[in-house]
Amino acid sequence: YDIVRLAFQTDTTRVATFMVANAGSNRSYRGIGVPEGHHDLSHHGGDAAKQDKLQKINRFHVEQLAYLLTQLAAVPEGRGTLLDNTLVVFGSAIADGDRHNHEDLPILLCGRGGGTVQGGRHLRFPQETPLCNLYLSMLQRAGVRATSFGDSRGPLDGL
């Protein structure tokens, strides 16, 4: 995360992809007290102990995100901060690993995108809304004159 912040801060790049964890990997998280593999735990079958361990992993990932956002918010840029001029997507391609479902995804969009996004809200979009609609919206806010991206059907209304 420090390298991402530094790259943005120095204008080395303004676009980064950082995969925190591979959903198909069976990585363990011994450092936070979870010696079992993440993927095996995701097939929890309703087992409360496995769900508790998944919650610990998820909390760890969100704490790392909070660290990045805090670092971006600490860098003055223009009339605001680096975070004000950034969009960070955090989420998963699977809502529940036990069911392998790909709808109702847990997605966070952080930052203000140079004032193009109003924060502090929880938005719901209709069922079957492609995640690529969000990516298309982000591209357009970055000045890219794209009309489609992946399986998008158009930009998201109301960002």
N, C-alpha and C. Protein backbone atom coordinates (compact mmCIF):
# COMPACT_ATOMS: atom_id res chain seq x y z
N TYR A 1 0.82 -1.19 0.00
CA TYR A 1 0.00 0.00 0.00
C TYR A 1 0.86 1.25 0.00
N ASP A 2 1.99 1.20 0.68
CA ASP A 2 2.89 2.35 0.69
C ASP A 2 3.40 2.65 -0.71
N ILE A 3 3.67 1.62 -1.48
CA ILE A 3 4.16 1.83 -2.85
C ILE A 3 3.06 2.44 -3.72
N VAL A 4 1.82 2.01 -3.55
CA VAL A 4 0.70 2.59 -4.30
C VAL A 4 0.58 4.07 -3.95
N ARG A 5 0.61 4.40 -2.66
CA ARG A 5 0.52 5.81 -2.25
C ARG A 5 1.65 6.62 -2.84
N LEU A 6 2.86 6.09 -2.77
CA LEU A 6 4.02 6.80 -3.29
C LEU A 6 3.92 6.99 -4.80
N ALA A 7 3.48 5.99 -5.52
CA ALA A 7 3.32 6.09 -6.97
C ALA A 7 2.31 7.17 -7.33
N PHE A 8 1.19 7.24 -6.60
CA PHE A 8 0.19 8.28 -6.84
C PHE A 8 0.74 9.65 -6.46
N GLN A 9 1.38 9.72 -5.32
CA GLN A 9 1.89 10.99 -4.80
C GLN A 9 2.93 11.60 -5.74
N THR A 10 3.76 10.77 -6.35
CA THR A 10 4.82 11.27 -7.23
C THR A 10 4.37 11.33 -8.68
N ASP A 11 3.12 11.03 -8.95
CA ASP A 11 2.58 10.99 -10.32
C ASP A 11 3.33 10.02 -11.21
N THR A 12 3.93 9.01 -10.61
CA THR A 12 4.53 7.94 -11.40
C THR A 12 3.43 7.23 -12.17
N THR A 13 2.29 7.09 -11.53
CA THR A 13 1.08 6.58 -12.16
C THR A 13 -0.11 7.06 -11.36
N ARG A 14 -1.27 7.04 -11.96
CA ARG A 14 -2.51 7.33 -11.25
C ARG A 14 -3.46 6.15 -11.37
N VAL A 15 -2.95 5.04 -11.86
CA VAL A 15 -3.76 3.84 -11.99
C VAL A 15 -2.96 2.67 -11.42
N ALA A 16 -3.58 1.91 -10.52
CA ALA A 16 -2.93 0.74 -9.95
C ALA A 16 -3.96 -0.34 -9.70
N THR A 17 -3.57 -1.55 -9.93
CA THR A 17 -4.37 -2.71 -9.56
C THR A 17 -3.59 -3.47 -8.51
N PHE A 18 -4.23 -3.71 -7.39
CA PHE A 18 -3.55 -4.38 -6.28
C PHE A 18 -4.48 -5.45 -5.75
N MET A 19 -4.20 -6.69 -6.09
CA MET A 19 -5.05 -7.79 -5.63
C MET A 19 -4.57 -8.19 -4.24
N VAL A 20 -5.42 -7.97 -3.26
CA VAL A 20 -5.08 -8.24 -1.86
C VAL A 20 -5.00 -9.73 -1.61
N ALA A 21 -5.91 -10.49 -2.17
CA ALA A 21 -5.93 -11.93 -1.97
C ALA A 21 -6.58 -12.59 -3.18
N ASN A 22 -6.10 -13.75 -3.53
CA ASN A 22 -6.67 -14.54 -4.61
C ASN A 22 -7.77 -15.41 -3.99
N ALA A 23 -8.99 -15.19 -4.43
CA ALA A 23 -10.12 -15.91 -3.84
C ALA A 23 -9.98 -17.43 -3.96
N GLY A 24 -9.24 -17.88 -4.94
CA GLY A 24 -9.07 -19.32 -5.11
C GLY A 24 -7.88 -19.89 -4.36
N SER A 25 -7.10 -19.02 -3.73
CA SER A 25 -5.92 -19.52 -3.04
C SER A 25 -6.32 -20.09 -1.68
N ASN A 26 -5.47 -20.90 -1.15
CA ASN A 26 -5.75 -21.47 0.16
C ASN A 26 -4.75 -20.93 1.18
N ARG A 27 -4.39 -19.67 0.99
CA ARG A 27 -3.45 -19.01 1.89
C ARG A 27 -3.99 -19.01 3.31
N SER A 28 -3.10 -19.23 4.25
CA SER A 28 -3.50 -19.12 5.65
C SER A 28 -3.13 -17.73 6.16
N TYR A 29 -3.67 -17.37 7.29
CA TYR A 29 -3.43 -16.07 7.91
C TYR A 29 -2.98 -16.29 9.35
N ARG A 30 -1.86 -16.99 9.49
CA ARG A 30 -1.35 -17.33 10.82
C ARG A 30 -1.08 -16.09 11.67
N GLY A 31 -0.67 -15.00 11.02
CA GLY A 31 -0.36 -13.77 11.75
C GLY A 31 -1.54 -13.15 12.48
N ILE A 32 -2.76 -13.52 12.07
CA ILE A 32 -3.95 -13.03 12.77
C ILE A 32 -4.71 -14.18 13.44
N GLY A 33 -4.05 -15.31 13.58
CA GLY A 33 -4.65 -16.43 14.30
C GLY A 33 -5.55 -17.33 13.49
N VAL A 34 -5.36 -17.34 12.16
CA VAL A 34 -6.16 -18.21 11.31
C VAL A 34 -5.21 -19.11 10.51
N PRO A 35 -4.90 -20.31 11.04
CA PRO A 35 -3.95 -21.19 10.37
C PRO A 35 -4.57 -21.96 9.19
N GLU A 36 -5.89 -22.01 9.12
CA GLU A 36 -6.54 -22.74 8.02
C GLU A 36 -6.47 -21.92 6.73
N GLY A 37 -6.66 -22.62 5.63
CA GLY A 37 -6.65 -21.97 4.32
C GLY A 37 -7.91 -21.15 4.09
N HIS A 38 -7.73 -19.97 3.50
CA HIS A 38 -8.84 -19.06 3.24
C HIS A 38 -9.91 -19.71 2.36
N HIS A 39 -9.50 -20.35 1.28
CA HIS A 39 -10.47 -20.95 0.37
C HIS A 39 -11.28 -22.06 1.05
N ASP A 40 -10.59 -22.91 1.80
CA ASP A 40 -11.31 -23.97 2.52
C ASP A 40 -12.32 -23.37 3.49
N LEU A 41 -11.94 -22.30 4.17
CA LEU A 41 -12.87 -21.66 5.12
C LEU A 41 -14.06 -21.04 4.40
N SER A 42 -13.83 -20.57 3.17
CA SER A 42 -14.94 -19.92 2.44
C SER A 42 -16.07 -20.90 2.13
N HIS A 43 -15.75 -22.20 2.13
CA HIS A 43 -16.79 -23.22 1.96
C HIS A 43 -17.21 -23.67 3.37
N HIS A 44 -17.78 -22.74 4.09
CA HIS A 44 -18.06 -22.90 5.52
C HIS A 44 -19.25 -23.78 5.83
N GLY A 45 -20.17 -23.95 4.89
CA GLY A 45 -21.35 -24.79 5.13
C GLY A 45 -22.17 -24.36 6.33
N GLY A 46 -22.08 -23.08 6.68
CA GLY A 46 -22.84 -22.57 7.82
C GLY A 46 -22.15 -22.77 9.16
N ASP A 47 -20.96 -23.34 9.17
CA ASP A 47 -20.22 -23.59 10.41
C ASP A 47 -19.78 -22.25 11.02
N ALA A 48 -20.27 -21.96 12.21
CA ALA A 48 -20.01 -20.67 12.86
C ALA A 48 -18.53 -20.44 13.13
N ALA A 49 -17.79 -21.48 13.47
CA ALA A 49 -16.36 -21.33 13.74
C ALA A 49 -15.61 -20.91 12.47
N LYS A 50 -15.96 -21.52 11.34
CA LYS A 50 -15.33 -21.14 10.07
C LYS A 50 -15.73 -19.72 9.69
N GLN A 51 -16.99 -19.37 9.90
CA GLN A 51 -17.44 -18.01 9.58
C GLN A 51 -16.73 -16.97 10.45
N ASP A 52 -16.48 -17.30 11.71
CA ASP A 52 -15.72 -16.39 12.58
C ASP A 52 -14.31 -16.17 12.05
N LYS A 53 -13.68 -17.23 11.56
CA LYS A 53 -12.33 -17.09 11.01
C LYS A 53 -12.34 -16.28 9.72
N LEU A 54 -13.36 -16.48 8.90
CA LEU A 54 -13.49 -15.66 7.69
C LEU A 54 -13.67 -14.19 8.06
N GLN A 55 -14.44 -13.94 9.11
CA GLN A 55 -14.64 -12.57 9.56
C GLN A 55 -13.31 -11.94 9.99
N LYS A 56 -12.45 -12.72 10.64
CA LYS A 56 -11.14 -12.21 11.04
C LYS A 56 -10.30 -11.83 9.80
N ILE A 57 -10.36 -12.68 8.79
CA ILE A 57 -9.62 -12.40 7.56
C ILE A 57 -10.18 -11.14 6.89
N ASN A 58 -11.49 -11.06 6.81
CA ASN A 58 -12.11 -9.88 6.19
C ASN A 58 -11.77 -8.61 6.95
N ARG A 59 -11.79 -8.69 8.26
CA ARG A 59 -11.43 -7.52 9.09
C ARG A 59 -9.99 -7.10 8.80
N PHE A 60 -9.09 -8.07 8.71
CA PHE A 60 -7.70 -7.78 8.40
C PHE A 60 -7.58 -7.04 7.07
N HIS A 61 -8.29 -7.54 6.04
CA HIS A 61 -8.23 -6.89 4.73
C HIS A 61 -8.77 -5.46 4.80
N VAL A 62 -9.85 -5.26 5.52
CA VAL A 62 -10.43 -3.91 5.63
C VAL A 62 -9.51 -2.99 6.43
N GLU A 63 -8.84 -3.52 7.43
CA GLU A 63 -7.87 -2.70 8.17
C GLU A 63 -6.73 -2.26 7.26
N GLN A 64 -6.31 -3.12 6.35
CA GLN A 64 -5.27 -2.74 5.40
C GLN A 64 -5.77 -1.65 4.45
N LEU A 65 -7.03 -1.77 4.02
CA LEU A 65 -7.65 -0.73 3.19
C LEU A 65 -7.68 0.59 3.95
N ALA A 66 -8.09 0.54 5.21
CA ALA A 66 -8.15 1.76 6.03
C ALA A 66 -6.78 2.41 6.12
N TYR A 67 -5.73 1.60 6.22
CA TYR A 67 -4.37 2.13 6.24
C TYR A 67 -4.08 2.90 4.95
N LEU A 68 -4.40 2.30 3.80
CA LEU A 68 -4.17 2.97 2.52
C LEU A 68 -4.94 4.29 2.46
N LEU A 69 -6.21 4.26 2.82
CA LEU A 69 -7.03 5.47 2.74
C LEU A 69 -6.50 6.56 3.66
N THR A 70 -6.05 6.17 4.85
CA THR A 70 -5.46 7.13 5.79
C THR A 70 -4.20 7.76 5.20
N GLN A 71 -3.38 6.93 4.55
CA GLN A 71 -2.16 7.44 3.92
C GLN A 71 -2.49 8.40 2.78
N LEU A 72 -3.47 8.07 1.95
CA LEU A 72 -3.86 8.95 0.85
C LEU A 72 -4.44 10.26 1.37
N ALA A 73 -5.21 10.18 2.45
CA ALA A 73 -5.82 11.38 3.04
C ALA A 73 -4.80 12.29 3.69
N ALA A 74 -3.63 11.77 4.01
CA ALA A 74 -2.59 12.56 4.68
C ALA A 74 -1.72 13.35 3.70
N VAL A 75 -1.89 13.13 2.41
CA VAL A 75 -1.07 13.80 1.41
C VAL A 75 -1.85 14.98 0.83
N PRO A 76 -1.41 16.22 1.11
CA PRO A 76 -2.09 17.38 0.53
C PRO A 76 -1.91 17.39 -0.99
N GLU A 77 -2.98 17.73 -1.68
CA GLU A 77 -2.90 17.83 -3.14
C GLU A 77 -3.96 18.82 -3.60
N GLY A 78 -3.53 19.87 -4.27
CA GLY A 78 -4.46 20.90 -4.72
C GLY A 78 -5.22 21.50 -3.55
N ARG A 79 -6.53 21.57 -3.69
CA ARG A 79 -7.38 22.12 -2.62
C ARG A 79 -7.81 21.07 -1.62
N GLY A 80 -7.33 19.86 -1.76
CA GLY A 80 -7.73 18.78 -0.87
C GLY A 80 -6.57 17.85 -0.59
N THR A 81 -6.87 16.56 -0.70
CA THR A 81 -5.87 15.54 -0.44
C THR A 81 -5.79 14.58 -1.62
N LEU A 82 -4.80 13.74 -1.58
CA LEU A 82 -4.66 12.72 -2.61
C LEU A 82 -5.90 11.83 -2.65
N LEU A 83 -6.47 11.53 -1.48
CA LEU A 83 -7.69 10.72 -1.46
C LEU A 83 -8.85 11.44 -2.15
N ASP A 84 -8.93 12.77 -2.00
CA ASP A 84 -9.99 13.52 -2.67
C ASP A 84 -9.90 13.40 -4.18
N ASN A 85 -8.71 13.16 -4.69
CA ASN A 85 -8.48 13.09 -6.13
C ASN A 85 -8.31 11.67 -6.64
N THR A 86 -8.71 10.71 -5.84
CA THR A 86 -8.51 9.30 -6.15
C THR A 86 -9.84 8.55 -6.04
N LEU A 87 -9.95 7.45 -6.77
CA LEU A 87 -11.03 6.49 -6.58
C LEU A 87 -10.39 5.14 -6.30
N VAL A 88 -10.78 4.52 -5.20
CA VAL A 88 -10.26 3.21 -4.81
C VAL A 88 -11.45 2.25 -4.74
N VAL A 89 -11.38 1.18 -5.50
CA VAL A 89 -12.41 0.14 -5.44
C VAL A 89 -11.88 -0.99 -4.57
N PHE A 90 -12.71 -1.43 -3.64
CA PHE A 90 -12.35 -2.55 -2.77
C PHE A 90 -13.55 -3.48 -2.74
N GLY A 91 -13.31 -4.74 -3.01
CA GLY A 91 -14.44 -5.66 -2.98
C GLY A 91 -14.03 -7.06 -3.39
N SER A 92 -15.02 -7.81 -3.76
CA SER A 92 -14.82 -9.21 -4.11
C SER A 92 -15.70 -9.56 -5.30
N ALA A 93 -15.27 -10.53 -6.06
CA ALA A 93 -16.06 -11.00 -7.19
C ALA A 93 -17.07 -12.07 -6.77
N ILE A 94 -17.03 -12.45 -5.49
CA ILE A 94 -17.96 -13.44 -4.97
C ILE A 94 -18.54 -12.90 -3.66
N ALA A 95 -19.85 -12.94 -3.54
CA ALA A 95 -20.49 -12.43 -2.33
C ALA A 95 -20.40 -13.45 -1.19
N ASP A 96 -20.58 -14.71 -1.50
CA ASP A 96 -20.52 -15.78 -0.50
C ASP A 96 -19.82 -16.97 -1.12
N GLY A 97 -18.60 -17.24 -0.66
CA GLY A 97 -17.81 -18.33 -1.23
C GLY A 97 -18.46 -19.69 -1.08
N ASP A 98 -19.29 -19.84 -0.07
CA ASP A 98 -19.96 -21.13 0.14
C ASP A 98 -20.97 -21.42 -0.97
N ARG A 99 -21.59 -20.35 -1.45
CA ARG A 99 -22.61 -20.51 -2.51
C ARG A 99 -22.08 -20.20 -3.90
N HIS A 100 -20.88 -19.64 -3.99
CA HIS A 100 -20.30 -19.22 -5.28
C HIS A 100 -21.21 -18.25 -6.02
N ASN A 101 -21.88 -17.38 -5.30
CA ASN A 101 -22.77 -16.44 -5.98
C ASN A 101 -22.02 -15.16 -6.35
N HIS A 102 -22.42 -14.59 -7.47
CA HIS A 102 -21.74 -13.42 -8.02
C HIS A 102 -22.68 -12.21 -8.08
N GLU A 103 -23.70 -12.20 -7.29
CA GLU A 103 -24.59 -11.04 -7.25
C GLU A 103 -24.56 -10.45 -5.84
N ASP A 104 -25.03 -9.22 -5.73
CA ASP A 104 -24.99 -8.50 -4.46
C ASP A 104 -23.57 -8.45 -3.90
N LEU A 105 -22.66 -8.06 -4.76
CA LEU A 105 -21.24 -8.06 -4.38
C LEU A 105 -20.94 -6.98 -3.34
N PRO A 106 -20.06 -7.30 -2.41
CA PRO A 106 -19.65 -6.31 -1.41
C PRO A 106 -18.56 -5.41 -2.01
N ILE A 107 -18.96 -4.25 -2.50
CA ILE A 107 -18.03 -3.34 -3.17
C ILE A 107 -18.03 -2.00 -2.44
N LEU A 108 -16.82 -1.50 -2.16
CA LEU A 108 -16.66 -0.15 -1.61
C LEU A 108 -15.98 0.70 -2.67
N LEU A 109 -16.47 1.92 -2.85
CA LEU A 109 -15.80 2.90 -3.69
C LEU A 109 -15.40 4.03 -2.76
N CYS A 110 -14.11 4.26 -2.64
CA CYS A 110 -13.58 5.24 -1.70
C CYS A 110 -12.90 6.36 -2.47
N GLY A 111 -12.90 7.55 -1.89
CA GLY A 111 -12.31 8.71 -2.53
C GLY A 111 -13.38 9.53 -3.21
N ARG A 112 -12.97 10.68 -3.72
CA ARG A 112 -13.94 11.58 -4.34
C ARG A 112 -13.73 11.74 -5.83
N GLY A 113 -12.69 11.13 -6.38
CA GLY A 113 -12.47 11.21 -7.82
C GLY A 113 -12.39 12.63 -8.34
N GLY A 114 -11.67 13.49 -7.61
CA GLY A 114 -11.55 14.89 -8.03
C GLY A 114 -12.86 15.65 -7.90
N GLY A 115 -13.71 15.21 -6.99
CA GLY A 115 -15.00 15.87 -6.78
C GLY A 115 -16.12 15.35 -7.66
N THR A 116 -15.86 14.26 -8.38
CA THR A 116 -16.88 13.71 -9.28
C THR A 116 -17.78 12.68 -8.61
N VAL A 117 -17.42 12.30 -7.38
CA VAL A 117 -18.20 11.30 -6.64
C VAL A 117 -18.52 11.85 -5.26
N GLN A 118 -19.77 11.76 -4.89
CA GLN A 118 -20.19 12.15 -3.55
C GLN A 118 -20.06 10.93 -2.64
N GLY A 119 -19.31 11.08 -1.57
CA GLY A 119 -19.08 9.95 -0.66
C GLY A 119 -20.09 9.87 0.45
N GLY A 120 -19.84 8.95 1.37
CA GLY A 120 -20.66 8.81 2.56
C GLY A 120 -22.04 8.26 2.33
N ARG A 121 -22.21 7.46 1.29
CA ARG A 121 -23.53 6.93 0.98
C ARG A 121 -23.47 5.43 0.74
N HIS A 122 -24.62 4.79 0.90
CA HIS A 122 -24.78 3.38 0.56
C HIS A 122 -25.74 3.34 -0.62
N LEU A 123 -25.27 2.85 -1.74
CA LEU A 123 -26.09 2.81 -2.95
C LEU A 123 -26.43 1.38 -3.30
N ARG A 124 -27.64 1.19 -3.75
CA ARG A 124 -28.08 -0.12 -4.25
C ARG A 124 -28.45 0.05 -5.70
N PHE A 125 -28.06 -0.92 -6.50
CA PHE A 125 -28.38 -0.90 -7.91
C PHE A 125 -29.23 -2.12 -8.23
N PRO A 126 -29.99 -2.07 -9.30
CA PRO A 126 -30.88 -3.20 -9.62
C PRO A 126 -30.11 -4.51 -9.79
N GLN A 127 -30.80 -5.61 -9.49
CA GLN A 127 -30.23 -6.94 -9.72
C GLN A 127 -29.70 -7.00 -11.16
N GLU A 128 -28.68 -7.79 -11.36
CA GLU A 128 -28.08 -8.01 -12.68
C GLU A 128 -27.33 -6.79 -13.22
N THR A 129 -27.05 -5.79 -12.38
CA THR A 129 -26.23 -4.66 -12.82
C THR A 129 -24.78 -5.13 -12.89
N PRO A 130 -24.17 -5.06 -14.07
CA PRO A 130 -22.78 -5.53 -14.18
C PRO A 130 -21.81 -4.66 -13.38
N LEU A 131 -20.85 -5.28 -12.74
CA LEU A 131 -19.80 -4.54 -12.03
C LEU A 131 -19.04 -3.65 -13.00
N CYS A 132 -18.96 -4.05 -14.25
CA CYS A 132 -18.26 -3.24 -15.25
C CYS A 132 -18.93 -1.89 -15.46
N ASN A 133 -20.19 -1.73 -15.06
CA ASN A 133 -20.82 -0.40 -15.12
C ASN A 133 -20.08 0.57 -14.19
N LEU A 134 -19.63 0.07 -13.04
CA LEU A 134 -18.84 0.90 -12.13
C LEU A 134 -17.50 1.25 -12.78
N TYR A 135 -16.85 0.28 -13.37
CA TYR A 135 -15.55 0.54 -14.00
C TYR A 135 -15.69 1.55 -15.15
N LEU A 136 -16.76 1.44 -15.91
CA LEU A 136 -17.01 2.41 -16.98
C LEU A 136 -17.21 3.80 -16.40
N SER A 137 -17.96 3.89 -15.33
CA SER A 137 -18.19 5.18 -14.66
C SER A 137 -16.87 5.79 -14.20
N MET A 138 -16.00 4.96 -13.66
CA MET A 138 -14.70 5.45 -13.20
C MET A 138 -13.84 5.92 -14.37
N LEU A 139 -13.83 5.17 -15.46
CA LEU A 139 -13.08 5.59 -16.63
C LEU A 139 -13.55 6.96 -17.12
N GLN A 140 -14.86 7.13 -17.19
CA GLN A 140 -15.40 8.40 -17.66
C GLN A 140 -15.02 9.54 -16.73
N ARG A 141 -15.01 9.31 -15.43
CA ARG A 141 -14.61 10.35 -14.48
C ARG A 141 -13.13 10.69 -14.60
N ALA A 142 -12.35 9.76 -15.12
CA ALA A 142 -10.93 10.01 -15.33
C ALA A 142 -10.67 10.66 -16.70
N GLY A 143 -11.73 10.96 -17.42
CA GLY A 143 -11.58 11.64 -18.70
C GLY A 143 -11.48 10.73 -19.90
N VAL A 144 -11.65 9.43 -19.72
CA VAL A 144 -11.61 8.50 -20.83
C VAL A 144 -12.97 8.49 -21.51
N ARG A 145 -12.99 8.69 -22.80
CA ARG A 145 -14.26 8.77 -23.54
C ARG A 145 -14.74 7.38 -23.95
N ALA A 146 -14.85 6.51 -22.99
CA ALA A 146 -15.31 5.14 -23.25
C ALA A 146 -16.83 5.09 -23.18
N THR A 147 -17.42 4.26 -24.01
CA THR A 147 -18.87 4.05 -23.96
C THR A 147 -19.21 2.65 -23.47
N SER A 148 -18.19 1.81 -23.36
CA SER A 148 -18.42 0.46 -22.82
C SER A 148 -17.11 -0.04 -22.22
N PHE A 149 -17.26 -1.03 -21.36
CA PHE A 149 -16.12 -1.69 -20.75
C PHE A 149 -16.58 -3.07 -20.34
N GLY A 150 -15.92 -4.10 -20.85
CA GLY A 150 -16.33 -5.47 -20.52
C GLY A 150 -17.79 -5.69 -20.84
N ASP A 151 -18.56 -6.18 -19.87
CA ASP A 151 -19.98 -6.44 -20.10
C ASP A 151 -20.87 -5.30 -19.64
N SER A 152 -20.31 -4.08 -19.53
CA SER A 152 -21.10 -2.95 -19.05
C SER A 152 -22.28 -2.68 -19.97
N ARG A 153 -23.29 -2.09 -19.38
CA ARG A 153 -24.47 -1.67 -20.14
C ARG A 153 -24.62 -0.16 -20.12
N GLY A 154 -23.68 0.51 -19.46
CA GLY A 154 -23.70 1.97 -19.35
C GLY A 154 -23.17 2.36 -17.99
N PRO A 155 -22.85 3.64 -17.81
CA PRO A 155 -22.33 4.09 -16.52
C PRO A 155 -23.41 4.01 -15.43
N LEU A 156 -22.99 3.95 -14.19
CA LEU A 156 -23.93 3.94 -13.07
C LEU A 156 -24.52 5.33 -12.85
N ASP A 157 -25.80 5.39 -12.66
CA ASP A 157 -26.45 6.66 -12.34
C ASP A 157 -26.31 6.93 -10.84
N GLY A 158 -26.12 8.18 -10.49
CA GLY A 158 -26.19 8.56 -9.09
C GLY A 158 -24.91 8.48 -8.30
N LEU A 159 -23.76 8.24 -8.95
CA LEU A 159 -22.52 8.21 -8.19
C LEU A 159 -22.20 9.60 -7.68
